[in-house]
Full PDB file with SEQRES, HELIX, SHEET, SSBOND, CRYST1, ORIGX, SCALE, CONECT and MASTER records, all heavy atoms in Angstrom:
SEQRES   1 A   32  THR VAL VAL ALA PHE PRO ALA ASP GLU GLN GLN SER SER          
SEQRES   2 A   32  TRP MET VAL ALA LEU VAL LYS GLU ARG ASN LYS VAL SER          
SEQRES   3 A   32  PRO VAL PRO GLY GLU ASP                                      
SHEET    1 AA1 2 VAL A   2  PRO A   6  0                                        
SHEET    2 AA1 2 TRP A  14  LEU A  18 -1                                        
CRYST1    1.000    1.000    1.000  90.00  90.00  90.00 P 1           1          
ORIGX1      1.000000  0.000000  0.000000        0.00000                         
ORIGX2      0.000000  1.000000  0.000000        0.00000                         
ORIGX3      0.000000  0.000000  1.000000        0.00000                         
SCALE1      1.000000  0.000000  0.000000        0.00000                         
SCALE2      0.000000  1.000000  0.000000        0.00000                         
SCALE3      0.000000  0.000000  1.000000        0.00000                         
ATOM      1  N   THR A   1      -2.815  -0.264  11.928  1.00  0.00           N  
ATOM      2  CA  THR A   1      -2.320  -0.070  10.567  1.00  0.00           C  
ATOM      3  C   THR A   1      -3.385  -0.499   9.563  1.00  0.00           C  
ATOM      4  O   THR A   1      -4.070  -1.505   9.757  1.00  0.00           O  
ATOM      5  CB  THR A   1      -1.042  -0.894  10.325  1.00  0.00           C  
ATOM      6  OG1 THR A   1      -0.079  -0.556  11.323  1.00  0.00           O  
ATOM      7  CG2 THR A   1      -0.463  -0.611   8.952  1.00  0.00           C  
ATOM      8  N   VAL A   2      -3.494   0.268   8.488  1.00  0.00           N  
ATOM      9  CA  VAL A   2      -4.412  -0.052   7.398  1.00  0.00           C  
ATOM     10  C   VAL A   2      -3.604  -0.594   6.225  1.00  0.00           C  
ATOM     11  O   VAL A   2      -2.564  -0.032   5.870  1.00  0.00           O  
ATOM     12  CB  VAL A   2      -5.195   1.193   6.941  1.00  0.00           C  
ATOM     13  CG1 VAL A   2      -6.223   0.809   5.866  1.00  0.00           C  
ATOM     14  CG2 VAL A   2      -5.882   1.870   8.105  1.00  0.00           C  
ATOM     15  N   VAL A   3      -4.078  -1.692   5.639  1.00  0.00           N  
ATOM     16  CA  VAL A   3      -3.400  -2.281   4.487  1.00  0.00           C  
ATOM     17  C   VAL A   3      -4.402  -2.522   3.373  1.00  0.00           C  
ATOM     18  O   VAL A   3      -5.591  -2.755   3.625  1.00  0.00           O  
ATOM     19  CB  VAL A   3      -2.698  -3.610   4.859  1.00  0.00           C  
ATOM     20  CG1 VAL A   3      -1.570  -3.370   5.838  1.00  0.00           C  
ATOM     21  CG2 VAL A   3      -3.690  -4.625   5.418  1.00  0.00           C  
ATOM     22  N   ALA A   4      -3.923  -2.465   2.143  1.00  0.00           N  
ATOM     23  CA  ALA A   4      -4.734  -2.813   0.975  1.00  0.00           C  
ATOM     24  C   ALA A   4      -3.877  -3.652   0.058  1.00  0.00           C  
ATOM     25  O   ALA A   4      -2.723  -3.304  -0.211  1.00  0.00           O  
ATOM     26  CB  ALA A   4      -5.227  -1.558   0.259  1.00  0.00           C  
ATOM     27  N   PHE A   5      -4.431  -4.762  -0.436  1.00  0.00           N  
ATOM     28  CA  PHE A   5      -3.654  -5.673  -1.263  1.00  0.00           C  
ATOM     29  C   PHE A   5      -4.609  -6.549  -2.082  1.00  0.00           C  
ATOM     30  O   PHE A   5      -5.792  -6.680  -1.736  1.00  0.00           O  
ATOM     31  CB  PHE A   5      -2.761  -6.564  -0.394  1.00  0.00           C  
ATOM     32  CG  PHE A   5      -3.499  -7.281   0.706  1.00  0.00           C  
ATOM     33  CD1 PHE A   5      -4.158  -8.482   0.463  1.00  0.00           C  
ATOM     34  CD2 PHE A   5      -3.556  -6.741   1.986  1.00  0.00           C  
ATOM     35  CE1 PHE A   5      -4.843  -9.135   1.476  1.00  0.00           C  
ATOM     36  CE2 PHE A   5      -4.252  -7.393   3.006  1.00  0.00           C  
ATOM     37  CZ  PHE A   5      -4.900  -8.597   2.737  1.00  0.00           C  
ATOM     38  N   PRO A   6      -4.118  -7.168  -3.163  1.00  0.00           N  
ATOM     39  CA  PRO A   6      -4.968  -8.072  -3.935  1.00  0.00           C  
ATOM     40  C   PRO A   6      -5.387  -9.262  -3.078  1.00  0.00           C  
ATOM     41  O   PRO A   6      -4.568  -9.853  -2.387  1.00  0.00           O  
ATOM     42  CB  PRO A   6      -4.064  -8.522  -5.090  1.00  0.00           C  
ATOM     43  CG  PRO A   6      -2.997  -7.482  -5.172  1.00  0.00           C  
ATOM     44  CD  PRO A   6      -2.785  -7.008  -3.772  1.00  0.00           C  
ATOM     45  N   ALA A   7      -6.668  -9.612  -3.129  1.00  0.00           N  
ATOM     46  CA  ALA A   7      -7.180 -10.713  -2.314  1.00  0.00           C  
ATOM     47  C   ALA A   7      -7.052 -12.059  -3.008  1.00  0.00           C  
ATOM     48  O   ALA A   7      -7.334 -13.092  -2.407  1.00  0.00           O  
ATOM     49  CB  ALA A   7      -8.648 -10.454  -1.954  1.00  0.00           C  
ATOM     50  N   ASP A   8      -6.629 -12.052  -4.267  1.00  0.00           N  
ATOM     51  CA  ASP A   8      -6.403 -13.306  -4.985  1.00  0.00           C  
ATOM     52  C   ASP A   8      -5.308 -13.090  -6.014  1.00  0.00           C  
ATOM     53  O   ASP A   8      -4.941 -11.953  -6.326  1.00  0.00           O  
ATOM     54  CB  ASP A   8      -7.686 -13.813  -5.654  1.00  0.00           C  
ATOM     55  CG  ASP A   8      -8.329 -12.773  -6.560  1.00  0.00           C  
ATOM     56  OD1 ASP A   8      -7.642 -12.280  -7.494  1.00  0.00           O  
ATOM     57  OD2 ASP A   8      -9.501 -12.446  -6.356  1.00  0.00           O  
ATOM     58  N   GLU A   9      -4.775 -14.179  -6.537  1.00  0.00           N  
ATOM     59  CA  GLU A   9      -3.649 -14.092  -7.462  1.00  0.00           C  
ATOM     60  C   GLU A   9      -4.040 -13.411  -8.763  1.00  0.00           C  
ATOM     61  O   GLU A   9      -3.190 -12.827  -9.441  1.00  0.00           O  
ATOM     62  CB  GLU A   9      -3.079 -15.484  -7.733  1.00  0.00           C  
ATOM     63  CG  GLU A   9      -2.365 -16.093  -6.540  1.00  0.00           C  
ATOM     64  CD  GLU A   9      -1.562 -17.322  -6.903  1.00  0.00           C  
ATOM     65  OE1 GLU A   9      -1.423 -17.593  -8.114  1.00  0.00           O  
ATOM     66  OE2 GLU A   9      -1.064 -17.999  -5.996  1.00  0.00           O  
ATOM     67  N   GLN A  10      -5.296 -13.492  -9.146  1.00  0.00           N  
ATOM     68  CA  GLN A  10      -5.755 -12.853 -10.384  1.00  0.00           C  
ATOM     69  C   GLN A  10      -6.004 -11.362 -10.193  1.00  0.00           C  
ATOM     70  O   GLN A  10      -6.266 -10.647 -11.151  1.00  0.00           O  
ATOM     71  CB  GLN A  10      -7.048 -13.524 -10.875  1.00  0.00           C  
ATOM     72  CG  GLN A  10      -6.872 -14.959 -11.363  1.00  0.00           C  
ATOM     73  CD  GLN A  10      -6.623 -15.947 -10.226  1.00  0.00           C  
ATOM     74  OE1 GLN A  10      -7.205 -15.804  -9.145  1.00  0.00           O  
ATOM     75  NE2 GLN A  10      -5.755 -16.923 -10.453  1.00  0.00           N  
ATOM     76  N   GLN A  11      -5.928 -10.901  -8.950  1.00  0.00           N  
ATOM     77  CA  GLN A  11      -6.177  -9.510  -8.590  1.00  0.00           C  
ATOM     78  C   GLN A  11      -7.565  -9.064  -9.028  1.00  0.00           C  
ATOM     79  O   GLN A  11      -7.792  -7.904  -9.377  1.00  0.00           O  
ATOM     80  CB  GLN A  11      -5.096  -8.576  -9.166  1.00  0.00           C  
ATOM     81  CG  GLN A  11      -3.706  -8.907  -8.667  1.00  0.00           C  
ATOM     82  CD  GLN A  11      -2.701  -7.810  -8.938  1.00  0.00           C  
ATOM     83  OE1 GLN A  11      -3.064  -6.670  -9.202  1.00  0.00           O  
ATOM     84  NE2 GLN A  11      -1.424  -8.137  -8.855  1.00  0.00           N  
ATOM     85  N   SER A  12      -8.523  -9.999  -9.010  1.00  0.00           N  
ATOM     86  CA  SER A  12      -9.899  -9.672  -9.376  1.00  0.00           C  
ATOM     87  C   SER A  12     -10.639  -8.999  -8.225  1.00  0.00           C  
ATOM     88  O   SER A  12     -11.712  -8.428  -8.413  1.00  0.00           O  
ATOM     89  CB  SER A  12     -10.649 -10.945  -9.790  1.00  0.00           C  
ATOM     90  OG  SER A  12     -10.666 -11.892  -8.733  1.00  0.00           O  
ATOM     91  N   SER A  13     -10.067  -9.088  -7.023  1.00  0.00           N  
ATOM     92  CA  SER A  13     -10.651  -8.455  -5.855  1.00  0.00           C  
ATOM     93  C   SER A  13      -9.534  -7.951  -4.946  1.00  0.00           C  
ATOM     94  O   SER A  13      -8.478  -8.574  -4.853  1.00  0.00           O  
ATOM     95  CB  SER A  13     -11.532  -9.459  -5.105  1.00  0.00           C  
ATOM     96  OG  SER A  13     -12.094  -8.869  -3.949  1.00  0.00           O  
ATOM     97  N   TRP A  14      -9.783  -6.812  -4.298  1.00  0.00           N  
ATOM     98  CA  TRP A  14      -8.802  -6.231  -3.386  1.00  0.00           C  
ATOM     99  C   TRP A  14      -9.381  -6.160  -1.982  1.00  0.00           C  
ATOM    100  O   TRP A  14     -10.572  -5.877  -1.809  1.00  0.00           O  
ATOM    101  CB  TRP A  14      -8.421  -4.829  -3.853  1.00  0.00           C  
ATOM    102  CG  TRP A  14      -7.364  -4.850  -4.923  1.00  0.00           C  
ATOM    103  CD1 TRP A  14      -7.469  -5.374  -6.167  1.00  0.00           C  
ATOM    104  CD2 TRP A  14      -6.043  -4.320  -4.815  1.00  0.00           C  
ATOM    105  NE1 TRP A  14      -6.296  -5.214  -6.855  1.00  0.00           N  
ATOM    106  CE2 TRP A  14      -5.408  -4.570  -6.046  1.00  0.00           C  
ATOM    107  CE3 TRP A  14      -5.340  -3.671  -3.807  1.00  0.00           C  
ATOM    108  CZ2 TRP A  14      -4.087  -4.183  -6.287  1.00  0.00           C  
ATOM    109  CZ3 TRP A  14      -4.030  -3.275  -4.042  1.00  0.00           C  
ATOM    110  CH2 TRP A  14      -3.417  -3.541  -5.274  1.00  0.00           C  
ATOM    111  N   MET A  15      -8.557  -6.417  -1.002  1.00  0.00           N  
ATOM    112  CA  MET A  15      -8.965  -6.328   0.392  1.00  0.00           C  
ATOM    113  C   MET A  15      -8.368  -5.081   1.036  1.00  0.00           C  
ATOM    114  O   MET A  15      -7.193  -4.779   0.859  1.00  0.00           O  
ATOM    115  CB  MET A  15      -8.523  -7.571   1.182  1.00  0.00           C  
ATOM    116  CG  MET A  15      -8.839  -7.489   2.674  1.00  0.00           C  
ATOM    117  SD  MET A  15      -8.294  -8.931   3.631  1.00  0.00           S  
ATOM    118  CE  MET A  15      -9.565 -10.117   3.148  1.00  0.00           C  
ATOM    119  N   VAL A  16      -9.191  -4.388   1.779  1.00  0.00           N  
ATOM    120  CA  VAL A  16      -8.739  -3.284   2.632  1.00  0.00           C  
ATOM    121  C   VAL A  16      -9.022  -3.711   4.066  1.00  0.00           C  
ATOM    122  O   VAL A  16     -10.148  -4.094   4.397  1.00  0.00           O  
ATOM    123  CB  VAL A  16      -9.484  -1.977   2.317  1.00  0.00           C  
ATOM    124  CG1 VAL A  16      -9.014  -0.865   3.267  1.00  0.00           C  
ATOM    125  CG2 VAL A  16      -9.268  -1.565   0.865  1.00  0.00           C  
ATOM    126  N   ALA A  17      -8.003  -3.686   4.899  1.00  0.00           N  
ATOM    127  CA  ALA A  17      -8.159  -4.170   6.270  1.00  0.00           C  
ATOM    128  C   ALA A  17      -7.524  -3.215   7.267  1.00  0.00           C  
ATOM    129  O   ALA A  17      -6.434  -2.693   7.029  1.00  0.00           O  
ATOM    130  CB  ALA A  17      -7.541  -5.564   6.420  1.00  0.00           C  
ATOM    131  N   LEU A  18      -8.210  -3.017   8.371  1.00  0.00           N  
ATOM    132  CA  LEU A  18      -7.663  -2.287   9.507  1.00  0.00           C  
ATOM    133  C   LEU A  18      -7.306  -3.325  10.566  1.00  0.00           C  
ATOM    134  O   LEU A  18      -8.185  -4.008  11.104  1.00  0.00           O  
ATOM    135  CB  LEU A  18      -8.689  -1.295  10.065  1.00  0.00           C  
ATOM    136  CG  LEU A  18      -8.343  -0.627  11.403  1.00  0.00           C  
ATOM    137  CD1 LEU A  18      -7.051   0.167  11.305  1.00  0.00           C  
ATOM    138  CD2 LEU A  18      -9.493   0.254  11.880  1.00  0.00           C  
ATOM    139  N   VAL A  19      -6.022  -3.475  10.832  1.00  0.00           N  
ATOM    140  CA  VAL A  19      -5.572  -4.442  11.826  1.00  0.00           C  
ATOM    141  C   VAL A  19      -5.766  -3.831  13.211  1.00  0.00           C  
ATOM    142  O   VAL A  19      -5.186  -2.802  13.538  1.00  0.00           O  
ATOM    143  CB  VAL A  19      -4.089  -4.823  11.593  1.00  0.00           C  
ATOM    144  CG1 VAL A  19      -3.621  -5.801  12.670  1.00  0.00           C  
ATOM    145  CG2 VAL A  19      -3.911  -5.428  10.205  1.00  0.00           C  
ATOM    146  N   LYS A  20      -6.596  -4.485  14.020  1.00  0.00           N  
ATOM    147  CA  LYS A  20      -6.960  -3.945  15.333  1.00  0.00           C  
ATOM    148  C   LYS A  20      -6.213  -4.624  16.478  1.00  0.00           C  
ATOM    149  O   LYS A  20      -5.898  -3.998  17.487  1.00  0.00           O  
ATOM    150  CB  LYS A  20      -8.471  -4.078  15.536  1.00  0.00           C  
ATOM    151  CG  LYS A  20      -9.271  -3.359  14.456  1.00  0.00           C  
ATOM    152  CD  LYS A  20     -10.749  -3.673  14.520  1.00  0.00           C  
ATOM    153  CE  LYS A  20     -11.437  -2.939  15.637  1.00  0.00           C  
ATOM    154  NZ  LYS A  20     -12.919  -3.146  15.580  1.00  0.00           N  
ATOM    155  N   GLU A  21      -5.973  -5.939  16.343  1.00  0.00           N  
ATOM    156  CA  GLU A  21      -5.272  -6.683  17.392  1.00  0.00           C  
ATOM    157  C   GLU A  21      -4.323  -7.681  16.745  1.00  0.00           C  
ATOM    158  O   GLU A  21      -4.516  -8.105  15.612  1.00  0.00           O  
ATOM    159  CB  GLU A  21      -6.259  -7.449  18.290  1.00  0.00           C  
ATOM    160  CG  GLU A  21      -7.226  -6.591  19.066  1.00  0.00           C  
ATOM    161  CD  GLU A  21      -8.181  -7.444  19.889  1.00  0.00           C  
ATOM    162  OE1 GLU A  21      -7.809  -8.591  20.246  1.00  0.00           O  
ATOM    163  OE2 GLU A  21      -9.305  -6.975  20.154  1.00  0.00           O  
ATOM    164  N   ARG A  22      -3.330  -8.059  17.528  1.00  0.00           N  
ATOM    165  CA  ARG A  22      -2.379  -9.091  17.115  1.00  0.00           C  
ATOM    166  C   ARG A  22      -2.149  -9.967  18.343  1.00  0.00           C  
ATOM    167  O   ARG A  22      -1.555  -9.520  19.328  1.00  0.00           O  
ATOM    168  CB  ARG A  22      -1.073  -8.441  16.636  1.00  0.00           C  
ATOM    169  CG  ARG A  22      -0.051  -9.410  16.034  1.00  0.00           C  
ATOM    170  CD  ARG A  22       1.197  -8.641  15.638  1.00  0.00           C  
ATOM    171  NE  ARG A  22       2.195  -9.527  15.058  1.00  0.00           N  
ATOM    172  CZ  ARG A  22       2.390  -9.718  13.760  1.00  0.00           C  
ATOM    173  NH1 ARG A  22       1.631  -9.077  12.885  1.00  0.00           N  
ATOM    174  NH2 ARG A  22       3.323 -10.548  13.330  1.00  0.00           N  
ATOM    175  N   ASN A  23      -2.632 -11.217  18.287  1.00  0.00           N  
ATOM    176  CA  ASN A  23      -2.658 -12.060  19.475  1.00  0.00           C  
ATOM    177  C   ASN A  23      -1.914 -13.378  19.253  1.00  0.00           C  
ATOM    178  O   ASN A  23      -1.828 -13.884  18.136  1.00  0.00           O  
ATOM    179  CB  ASN A  23      -4.117 -12.378  19.852  1.00  0.00           C  
ATOM    180  CG  ASN A  23      -4.933 -11.118  20.085  1.00  0.00           C  
ATOM    181  OD1 ASN A  23      -4.464 -10.181  20.723  1.00  0.00           O  
ATOM    182  ND2 ASN A  23      -6.151 -11.092  19.568  1.00  0.00           N  
ATOM    183  N   LYS A  24      -1.416 -13.918  20.358  1.00  0.00           N  
ATOM    184  CA  LYS A  24      -0.828 -15.250  20.352  1.00  0.00           C  
ATOM    185  C   LYS A  24      -1.869 -16.218  20.891  1.00  0.00           C  
ATOM    186  O   LYS A  24      -2.382 -16.032  21.999  1.00  0.00           O  
ATOM    187  CB  LYS A  24       0.432 -15.289  21.220  1.00  0.00           C  
ATOM    188  CG  LYS A  24       1.219 -16.597  21.123  1.00  0.00           C  
ATOM    189  CD  LYS A  24       2.486 -16.515  21.949  1.00  0.00           C  
ATOM    190  CE  LYS A  24       3.303 -17.787  21.840  1.00  0.00           C  
ATOM    191  NZ  LYS A  24       3.816 -18.010  20.482  1.00  0.00           N  
ATOM    192  N   VAL A  25      -2.189 -17.244  20.108  1.00  0.00           N  
ATOM    193  CA  VAL A  25      -3.228 -18.191  20.487  1.00  0.00           C  
ATOM    194  C   VAL A  25      -2.648 -19.602  20.522  1.00  0.00           C  
ATOM    195  O   VAL A  25      -1.537 -19.852  20.052  1.00  0.00           O  
ATOM    196  CB  VAL A  25      -4.414 -18.131  19.495  1.00  0.00           C  
ATOM    197  CG1 VAL A  25      -5.051 -16.752  19.527  1.00  0.00           C  
ATOM    198  CG2 VAL A  25      -3.969 -18.476  18.079  1.00  0.00           C  
ATOM    199  N   SER A  26      -3.411 -20.521  21.076  1.00  0.00           N  
ATOM    200  CA  SER A  26      -2.968 -21.913  21.131  1.00  0.00           C  
ATOM    201  C   SER A  26      -3.174 -22.583  19.782  1.00  0.00           C  
ATOM    202  O   SER A  26      -4.183 -22.343  19.115  1.00  0.00           O  
ATOM    203  CB  SER A  26      -3.757 -22.672  22.202  1.00  0.00           C  
ATOM    204  OG  SER A  26      -3.551 -22.096  23.475  1.00  0.00           O  
ATOM    205  N   PRO A  27      -2.248 -23.437  19.358  1.00  0.00           N  
ATOM    206  CA  PRO A  27      -2.416 -24.124  18.089  1.00  0.00           C  
ATOM    207  C   PRO A  27      -3.595 -25.092  18.129  1.00  0.00           C  
ATOM    208  O   PRO A  27      -3.930 -25.638  19.177  1.00  0.00           O  
ATOM    209  CB  PRO A  27      -1.103 -24.881  17.896  1.00  0.00           C  
ATOM    210  CG  PRO A  27      -0.257 -24.617  19.083  1.00  0.00           C  
ATOM    211  CD  PRO A  27      -1.017 -23.786  20.039  1.00  0.00           C  
ATOM    212  N   VAL A  28      -4.212 -25.276  16.987  1.00  0.00           N  
ATOM    213  CA  VAL A  28      -5.298 -26.242  16.858  1.00  0.00           C  
ATOM    214  C   VAL A  28      -4.682 -27.642  16.773  1.00  0.00           C  
ATOM    215  O   VAL A  28      -3.664 -27.830  16.107  1.00  0.00           O  
ATOM    216  CB  VAL A  28      -6.131 -25.947  15.595  1.00  0.00           C  
ATOM    217  CG1 VAL A  28      -7.170 -27.044  15.356  1.00  0.00           C  
ATOM    218  CG2 VAL A  28      -6.801 -24.581  15.725  1.00  0.00           C  
ATOM    219  N   PRO A  29      -5.275 -28.626  17.447  1.00  0.00           N  
ATOM    220  CA  PRO A  29      -4.743 -29.996  17.355  1.00  0.00           C  
ATOM    221  C   PRO A  29      -4.599 -30.452  15.905  1.00  0.00           C  
ATOM    222  O   PRO A  29      -5.478 -30.227  15.089  1.00  0.00           O  
ATOM    223  CB  PRO A  29      -5.814 -30.831  18.090  1.00  0.00           C  
ATOM    224  CG  PRO A  29      -6.429 -29.876  19.056  1.00  0.00           C  
ATOM    225  CD  PRO A  29      -6.433 -28.554  18.366  1.00  0.00           C  
ATOM    226  N   GLY A  30      -3.455 -31.044  15.615  1.00  0.00           N  
ATOM    227  CA  GLY A  30      -3.192 -31.514  14.257  1.00  0.00           C  
ATOM    228  C   GLY A  30      -2.352 -30.563  13.443  1.00  0.00           C  
ATOM    229  O   GLY A  30      -1.969 -30.874  12.303  1.00  0.00           O  
ATOM    230  N   GLU A  31      -2.057 -29.382  14.014  1.00  0.00           N  
ATOM    231  CA  GLU A  31      -1.258 -28.403  13.283  1.00  0.00           C  
ATOM    232  C   GLU A  31       0.229 -28.480  13.634  1.00  0.00           C  
ATOM    233  O   GLU A  31       1.020 -27.672  13.169  1.00  0.00           O  
ATOM    234  CB  GLU A  31      -1.763 -26.978  13.572  1.00  0.00           C  
ATOM    235  CG  GLU A  31      -3.137 -26.682  12.993  1.00  0.00           C  
ATOM    236  CD  GLU A  31      -3.583 -25.256  13.276  1.00  0.00           C  
ATOM    237  OE1 GLU A  31      -2.939 -24.568  14.095  1.00  0.00           O  
ATOM    238  OE2 GLU A  31      -4.577 -24.842  12.676  1.00  0.00           O  
ATOM    239  N   ASP A  32       0.605 -29.440  14.451  1.00  0.00           N  
ATOM    240  CA  ASP A  32       1.979 -29.523  14.936  1.00  0.00           C  
ATOM    241  C   ASP A  32       3.000 -29.626  13.811  1.00  0.00           C  
ATOM    242  O   ASP A  32       4.085 -29.039  13.885  1.00  0.00           O  
ATOM    243  CB  ASP A  32       2.134 -30.725  15.874  1.00  0.00           C  
ATOM    244  CG  ASP A  32       1.260 -30.594  17.115  1.00  0.00           C  
ATOM    245  OD1 ASP A  32       0.824 -29.463  17.398  1.00  0.00           O  
ATOM    246  OD2 ASP A  32       1.020 -31.613  17.774  1.00  0.00           O  
TER     247      ASP A  32                                                      
MASTER        0    0    0    0    2    0    0    6  246    1    0    3          
END                                                                             
């Protein structure tokens, strides 16, 4: 899926991204 959205609250920059993978990873220590 391709998405486009404001990259900041001021909408001074927009990001266009192609989502290629969606993975489940291990949490980083301290994120509990």
